[in-house]
Amino acid sequence: MKVVDTIALILILIGAINWGLIGFFSFDLVRVIFGNMSMVSRIIYALVGIAAIYGFSYFGRLKTDM
């Protein structure tokens, strides 16, 4: 499970950095690298979204660790 957690965290960070770039500079890094809503960019966005949903499970695990 640790590998899945690490991959999810990396994807969440990529999404957060991309949203920060969009918010501060109107610069969409995923679009620049992979194209405007190409199949690859759509997959990247979908994976980041799935990782974010999976990231909610961190809250449940934090509660049990305390």
PDB file of N, CA and C in Angstrom:
ATOM      1  N   MET A   1       0.824  -1.195   0.000  1.00  0.00           N
ATOM      2  CA  MET A   1       0.000   0.000   0.000  1.00  0.00           C
ATOM      3  C   MET A   1       0.866   1.256   0.000  1.00  0.00           C
ATOM      4  N   LYS A   2       2.082   1.146   0.507  1.00  0.00           N
ATOM      5  CA  LYS A   2       2.950   2.312   0.574  1.00  0.00           C
ATOM      6  C   LYS A   2       3.294   2.838  -0.826  1.00  0.00           C
ATOM      7  N   VAL A   3       3.442   1.942  -1.800  1.00  0.00           N
ATOM      8  CA  VAL A   3       3.742   2.366  -3.171  1.00  0.00           C
ATOM      9  C   VAL A   3       2.565   3.147  -3.744  1.00  0.00           C
ATOM     10  N   VAL A   4       1.350   2.658  -3.512  1.00  0.00           N
ATOM     11  CA  VAL A   4       0.152   3.351  -4.003  1.00  0.00           C
ATOM     12  C   VAL A   4       0.036   4.727  -3.343  1.00  0.00           C
ATOM     13  N   ASP A   5       0.321   4.792  -2.042  1.00  0.00           N
ATOM     14  CA  ASP A   5       0.278   6.075  -1.339  1.00  0.00           C
ATOM     15  C   ASP A   5       1.286   7.055  -1.921  1.00  0.00           C
ATOM     16  N   THR A   6       2.482   6.576  -2.223  1.00  0.00           N
ATOM     17  CA  THR A   6       3.520   7.443  -2.787  1.00  0.00           C
ATOM     18  C   THR A   6       3.132   7.948  -4.168  1.00  0.00           C
ATOM     19  N   ILE A   7       2.617   7.063  -4.999  1.00  0.00           N
ATOM     20  CA  ILE A   7       2.183   7.473  -6.345  1.00  0.00           C
ATOM     21  C   ILE A   7       1.045   8.481  -6.252  1.00  0.00           C
ATOM     22  N   ALA A   8       0.083   8.222  -5.361  1.00  0.00           N
ATOM     23  CA  ALA A   8      -1.043   9.146  -5.183  1.00  0.00           C
ATOM     24  C   ALA A   8      -0.546  10.502  -4.719  1.00  0.00           C
ATOM     25  N   LEU A   9       0.384  10.515  -3.767  1.00  0.00           N
ATOM     26  CA  LEU A   9       0.909  11.786  -3.270  1.00  0.00           C
ATOM     27  C   LEU A   9       1.641  12.558  -4.368  1.00  0.00           C
ATOM     28  N   ILE A  10       2.404  11.872  -5.186  1.00  0.00           N
ATOM     29  CA  ILE A  10       3.105  12.537  -6.301  1.00  0.00           C
ATOM     30  C   ILE A  10       2.098  13.141  -7.273  1.00  0.00           C
ATOM     31  N   LEU A  11       1.056  12.387  -7.615  1.00  0.00           N
ATOM     32  CA  LEU A  11       0.036  12.913  -8.529  1.00  0.00           C
ATOM     33  C   LEU A  11      -0.712  14.095  -7.926  1.00  0.00           C
ATOM     34  N   ILE A  12      -0.999  14.031  -6.634  1.00  0.00           N
ATOM     35  CA  ILE A  12      -1.671  15.149  -5.966  1.00  0.00           C
ATOM     36  C   ILE A  12      -0.784  16.392  -6.001  1.00  0.00           C
ATOM     37  N   LEU A  13       0.514  16.213  -5.772  1.00  0.00           N
ATOM     38  CA  LEU A  13       1.437  17.351  -5.820  1.00  0.00           C
ATOM     39  C   LEU A  13       1.549  17.926  -7.228  1.00  0.00           C
ATOM     40  N   ILE A  14       1.585  17.062  -8.234  1.00  0.00           N
ATOM     41  CA  ILE A  14       1.612  17.549  -9.627  1.00  0.00           C
ATOM     42  C   ILE A  14       0.370  18.384  -9.900  1.00  0.00           C
ATOM     43  N   GLY A  15      -0.798  17.899  -9.469  1.00  0.00           N
ATOM     44  CA  GLY A  15      -2.031  18.654  -9.668  1.00  0.00           C
ATOM     45  C   GLY A  15      -2.023  19.972  -8.926  1.00  0.00           C
ATOM     46  N   ALA A  16      -1.509  19.966  -7.696  1.00  0.00           N
ATOM     47  CA  ALA A  16      -1.461  21.200  -6.904  1.00  0.00           C
ATOM     48  C   ALA A  16      -0.518  22.219  -7.534  1.00  0.00           C
ATOM     49  N   ILE A  17       0.620  21.763  -8.003  1.00  0.00           N
ATOM     50  CA  ILE A  17       1.562  22.677  -8.660  1.00  0.00           C
ATOM     51  C   ILE A  17       0.947  23.238  -9.933  1.00  0.00           C
ATOM     52  N   ASN A  18       0.285  22.386 -10.710  1.00  0.00           N
ATOM     53  CA  ASN A  18      -0.347  22.860 -11.941  1.00  0.00           C
ATOM     54  C   ASN A  18      -1.423  23.899 -11.641  1.00  0.00           C
ATOM     55  N   TRP A  19      -2.264  23.651 -10.615  1.00  0.00           N
ATOM     56  CA  TRP A  19      -3.289  24.632 -10.250  1.00  0.00           C
ATOM     57  C   TRP A  19      -2.680  25.917  -9.723  1.00  0.00           C
ATOM     58  N   GLY A  20      -1.575  25.807  -9.000  1.00  0.00           N
ATOM     59  CA  GLY A  20      -0.880  27.015  -8.550  1.00  0.00           C
ATOM     60  C   GLY A  20      -0.367  27.841  -9.718  1.00  0.00           C
ATOM     61  N   LEU A  21       0.203  27.168 -10.713  1.00  0.00           N
ATOM     62  CA  LEU A  21       0.677  27.878 -11.906  1.00  0.00           C
ATOM     63  C   LEU A  21      -0.478  28.535 -12.658  1.00  0.00           C
ATOM     64  N   ILE A  22      -1.601  27.831 -12.736  1.00  0.00           N
ATOM     65  CA  ILE A  22      -2.770  28.403 -13.401  1.00  0.00           C
ATOM     66  C   ILE A  22      -3.261  29.628 -12.629  1.00  0.00           C
ATOM     67  N   GLY A  23      -3.340  29.513 -11.315  1.00  0.00           N
ATOM     68  CA  GLY A  23      -3.853  30.615 -10.497  1.00  0.00           C
ATOM     69  C   GLY A  23      -2.955  31.837 -10.483  1.00  0.00           C
ATOM     70  N   PHE A  24      -1.661  31.624 -10.369  1.00  0.00           N
ATOM     71  CA  PHE A  24      -0.744  32.756 -10.262  1.00  0.00           C
ATOM     72  C   PHE A  24      -0.330  33.337 -11.613  1.00  0.00           C
ATOM     73  N   PHE A  25      -0.153  32.471 -12.613  1.00  0.00           N
ATOM     74  CA  PHE A  25       0.435  32.929 -13.873  1.00  0.00           C
ATOM     75  C   PHE A  25      -0.402  32.629 -15.113  1.00  0.00           C
ATOM     76  N   SER A  26      -1.589  32.045 -14.948  1.00  0.00           N
ATOM     77  CA  SER A  26      -2.423  31.611 -16.075  1.00  0.00           C
ATOM     78  C   SER A  26      -1.629  30.704 -17.012  1.00  0.00           C
ATOM     79  N   PHE A  27      -0.852  29.806 -16.433  1.00  0.00           N
ATOM     80  CA  PHE A  27       0.021  28.912 -17.191  1.00  0.00           C
ATOM     81  C   PHE A  27      -0.332  27.472 -16.839  1.00  0.00           C
ATOM     82  N   ASP A  28      -0.868  26.733 -17.795  1.00  0.00           N
ATOM     83  CA  ASP A  28      -1.256  25.339 -17.590  1.00  0.00           C
ATOM     84  C   ASP A  28      -0.126  24.444 -18.099  1.00  0.00           C
ATOM     85  N   LEU A  29       0.667  23.931 -17.175  1.00  0.00           N
ATOM     86  CA  LEU A  29       1.844  23.136 -17.518  1.00  0.00           C
ATOM     87  C   LEU A  29       1.475  21.845 -18.236  1.00  0.00           C
ATOM     88  N   VAL A  30       0.413  21.187 -17.818  1.00  0.00           N
ATOM     89  CA  VAL A  30      -0.008  19.943 -18.462  1.00  0.00           C
ATOM     90  C   VAL A  30      -0.392  20.210 -19.909  1.00  0.00           C
ATOM     91  N   ARG A  31      -1.094  21.300 -20.150  1.00  0.00           N
ATOM     92  CA  ARG A  31      -1.491  21.641 -21.520  1.00  0.00           C
ATOM     93  C   ARG A  31      -0.273  21.939 -22.381  1.00  0.00           C
ATOM     94  N   VAL A  32       0.702  22.641 -21.820  1.00  0.00           N
ATOM     95  CA  VAL A  32       1.903  22.992 -22.583  1.00  0.00           C
ATOM     96  C   VAL A  32       2.693  21.738 -22.953  1.00  0.00           C
ATOM     97  N   ILE A  33       2.801  20.802 -22.011  1.00  0.00           N
ATOM     98  CA  ILE A  33       3.604  19.597 -22.274  1.00  0.00           C
ATOM     99  C   ILE A  33       2.869  18.602 -23.165  1.00  0.00           C
ATOM    100  N   PHE A  34       1.577  18.362 -22.895  1.00  0.00           N
ATOM    101  CA  PHE A  34       0.864  17.277 -23.571  1.00  0.00           C
ATOM    102  C   PHE A  34      -0.183  17.727 -24.574  1.00  0.00           C
ATOM    103  N   GLY A  35      -0.438  19.015 -24.689  1.00  0.00           N
ATOM    104  CA  GLY A  35      -1.418  19.507 -25.651  1.00  0.00           C
ATOM    105  C   GLY A  35      -2.740  19.845 -24.987  1.00  0.00           C
ATOM    106  N   ASN A  36      -3.524  20.648 -25.694  1.00  0.00           N
ATOM    107  CA  ASN A  36      -4.798  21.127 -25.171  1.00  0.00           C
ATOM    108  C   ASN A  36      -5.832  20.014 -25.234  1.00  0.00           C
ATOM    109  N   MET A  37      -6.106  19.393 -24.089  1.00  0.00           N
ATOM    110  CA  MET A  37      -7.082  18.308 -23.930  1.00  0.00           C
ATOM    111  C   MET A  37      -6.842  17.158 -24.913  1.00  0.00           C
ATOM    112  N   SER A  38      -5.562  16.833 -25.119  1.00  0.00           N
ATOM    113  CA  SER A  38      -5.242  15.637 -25.882  1.00  0.00           C
ATOM    114  C   SER A  38      -5.583  14.425 -25.027  1.00  0.00           C
ATOM    115  N   MET A  39      -5.493  13.256 -25.600  1.00  0.00           N
ATOM    116  CA  MET A  39      -5.808  12.045 -24.850  1.00  0.00           C
ATOM    117  C   MET A  39      -4.866  11.889 -23.654  1.00  0.00           C
ATOM    118  N   VAL A  40      -3.595  12.197 -23.839  1.00  0.00           N
ATOM    119  CA  VAL A  40      -2.625  12.066 -22.746  1.00  0.00           C
ATOM    120  C   VAL A  40      -2.930  13.062 -21.628  1.00  0.00           C
ATOM    121  N   SER A  41      -3.231  14.312 -21.979  1.00  0.00           N
ATOM    122  CA  SER A  41      -3.523  15.305 -20.942  1.00  0.00           C
ATOM    123  C   SER A  41      -4.806  14.947 -20.197  1.00  0.00           C
ATOM    124  N   ARG A  42      -5.783  14.388 -20.890  1.00  0.00           N
ATOM    125  CA  ARG A  42      -7.022  13.967 -20.227  1.00  0.00           C
ATOM    126  C   ARG A  42      -6.740  12.826 -19.254  1.00  0.00           C
ATOM    127  N   ILE A  43      -5.840  11.924 -19.626  1.00  0.00           N
ATOM    128  CA  ILE A  43      -5.463  10.825 -18.734  1.00  0.00           C
ATOM    129  C   ILE A  43      -4.744  11.373 -17.510  1.00  0.00           C
ATOM    130  N   ILE A  44      -3.848  12.348 -17.715  1.00  0.00           N
ATOM    131  CA  ILE A  44      -3.135  12.974 -16.596  1.00  0.00           C
ATOM    132  C   ILE A  44      -4.134  13.621 -15.641  1.00  0.00           C
ATOM    133  N   TYR A  45      -5.063  14.402 -16.174  1.00  0.00           N
ATOM    134  CA  TYR A  45      -6.064  15.054 -15.330  1.00  0.00           C
ATOM    135  C   TYR A  45      -6.914  14.015 -14.594  1.00  0.00           C
ATOM    136  N   ALA A  46      -7.285  12.941 -15.266  1.00  0.00           N
ATOM    137  CA  ALA A  46      -8.090  11.898 -14.633  1.00  0.00           C
ATOM    138  C   ALA A  46      -7.314  11.211 -13.510  1.00  0.00           C
ATOM    139  N   LEU A  47      -6.040  10.910 -13.751  1.00  0.00           N
ATOM    140  CA  LEU A  47      -5.226  10.264 -12.720  1.00  0.00           C
ATOM    141  C   LEU A  47      -5.038  11.173 -11.505  1.00  0.00           C
ATOM    142  N   VAL A  48      -4.841  12.460 -11.757  1.00  0.00           N
ATOM    143  CA  VAL A  48      -4.706  13.409 -10.640  1.00  0.00           C
ATOM    144  C   VAL A  48      -6.007  13.470  -9.849  1.00  0.00           C
ATOM    145  N   GLY A  49      -7.129  13.462 -10.528  1.00  0.00           N
ATOM    146  CA  GLY A  49      -8.422  13.477  -9.845  1.00  0.00           C
ATOM    147  C   GLY A  49      -8.658  12.219  -9.025  1.00  0.00           C
ATOM    148  N   ILE A  50      -8.314  11.072  -9.582  1.00  0.00           N
ATOM    149  CA  ILE A  50      -8.456   9.813  -8.847  1.00  0.00           C
ATOM    150  C   ILE A  50      -7.539   9.809  -7.635  1.00  0.00           C
ATOM    151  N   ALA A  51      -6.313  10.311  -7.808  1.00  0.00           N
ATOM    152  CA  ALA A  51      -5.363  10.378  -6.694  1.00  0.00           C
ATOM    153  C   ALA A  51      -5.889  11.295  -5.594  1.00  0.00           C
ATOM    154  N   ALA A  52      -6.529  12.388  -5.978  1.00  0.00           N
ATOM    155  CA  ALA A  52      -7.083  13.309  -4.979  1.00  0.00           C
ATOM    156  C   ALA A  52      -8.213  12.638  -4.197  1.00  0.00           C
ATOM    157  N   ILE A  53      -9.058  11.906  -4.886  1.00  0.00           N
ATOM    158  CA  ILE A  53     -10.130  11.184  -4.203  1.00  0.00           C
ATOM    159  C   ILE A  53      -9.530  10.135  -3.266  1.00  0.00           C
ATOM    160  N   TYR A  54      -8.514   9.427  -3.730  1.00  0.00           N
ATOM    161  CA  TYR A  54      -7.826   8.448  -2.885  1.00  0.00           C
ATOM    162  C   TYR A  54      -7.161   9.141  -1.699  1.00  0.00           C
ATOM    163  N   GLY A  55      -6.703  10.366  -1.888  1.00  0.00           N
ATOM    164  CA  GLY A  55      -6.051  11.122  -0.829  1.00  0.00           C
ATOM    165  C   GLY A  55      -6.949  11.374   0.369  1.00  0.00           C
ATOM    166  N   PHE A  56      -8.259  11.340   0.173  1.00  0.00           N
ATOM    167  CA  PHE A  56      -9.168  11.504   1.306  1.00  0.00           C
ATOM    168  C   PHE A  56      -9.002  10.373   2.318  1.00  0.00           C
ATOM    169  N   SER A  57      -8.512   9.231   1.874  1.00  0.00           N
ATOM    170  CA  SER A  57      -8.316   8.119   2.805  1.00  0.00           C
ATOM    171  C   SER A  57      -7.210   8.426   3.813  1.00  0.00           C
ATOM    172  N   TYR A  58      -6.334   9.384   3.497  1.00  0.00           N
ATOM    173  CA  TYR A  58      -5.292   9.777   4.442  1.00  0.00           C
ATOM    174  C   TYR A  58      -5.905  10.300   5.732  1.00  0.00           C
ATOM    175  N   PHE A  59      -7.014  11.000   5.642  1.00  0.00           N
ATOM    176  CA  PHE A  59      -7.653  11.550   6.818  1.00  0.00           C
ATOM    177  C   PHE A  59      -8.116  10.438   7.763  1.00  0.00           C
ATOM    178  N   GLY A  60      -8.678   9.385   7.225  1.00  0.00           N
ATOM    179  CA  GLY A  60      -9.095   8.268   8.047  1.00  0.00           C
ATOM    180  C   GLY A  60      -7.926   7.577   8.718  1.00  0.00           C
ATOM    181  N   ARG A  61      -6.815   7.465   8.003  1.00  0.00           N
ATOM    182  CA  ARG A  61      -5.640   6.829   8.577  1.00  0.00           C
ATOM    183  C   ARG A  61      -4.975   7.717   9.620  1.00  0.00           C
ATOM    184  N   LEU A  62      -5.019   9.035   9.434  1.00  0.00           N
ATOM    185  CA  LEU A  62      -4.463   9.942  10.440  1.00  0.00           C
ATOM    186  C   LEU A  62      -5.247   9.851  11.735  1.00  0.00           C
ATOM    187  N   LYS A  63      -6.556   9.739  11.618  1.00  0.00           N
ATOM    188  CA  LYS A  63      -7.412   9.664  12.793  1.00  0.00           C
ATOM    189  C   LYS A  63      -7.108   8.408  13.612  1.00  0.00           C
ATOM    190  N   THR A  64      -6.838   7.299  12.925  1.00  0.00           N
ATOM    191  CA  THR A  64      -6.551   6.047  13.637  1.00  0.00           C
ATOM    192  C   THR A  64      -5.134   6.055  14.227  1.00  0.00           C
ATOM    193  N   ASP A  65      -4.223   6.861  13.670  1.00  0.00           N
ATOM    194  CA  ASP A  65      -2.864   6.927  14.170  1.00  0.00           C
ATOM    195  C   ASP A  65      -2.758   7.769  15.439  1.00  0.00           C
ATOM    196  N   MET A  66      -3.712   8.662  15.659  1.00  0.00           N
ATOM    197  CA  MET A  66      -3.652   9.560  16.809  1.00  0.00           C
ATOM    198  C   MET A  66      -4.168   8.925  18.058  1.00  0.00           C
TER     199      MET A  66
END
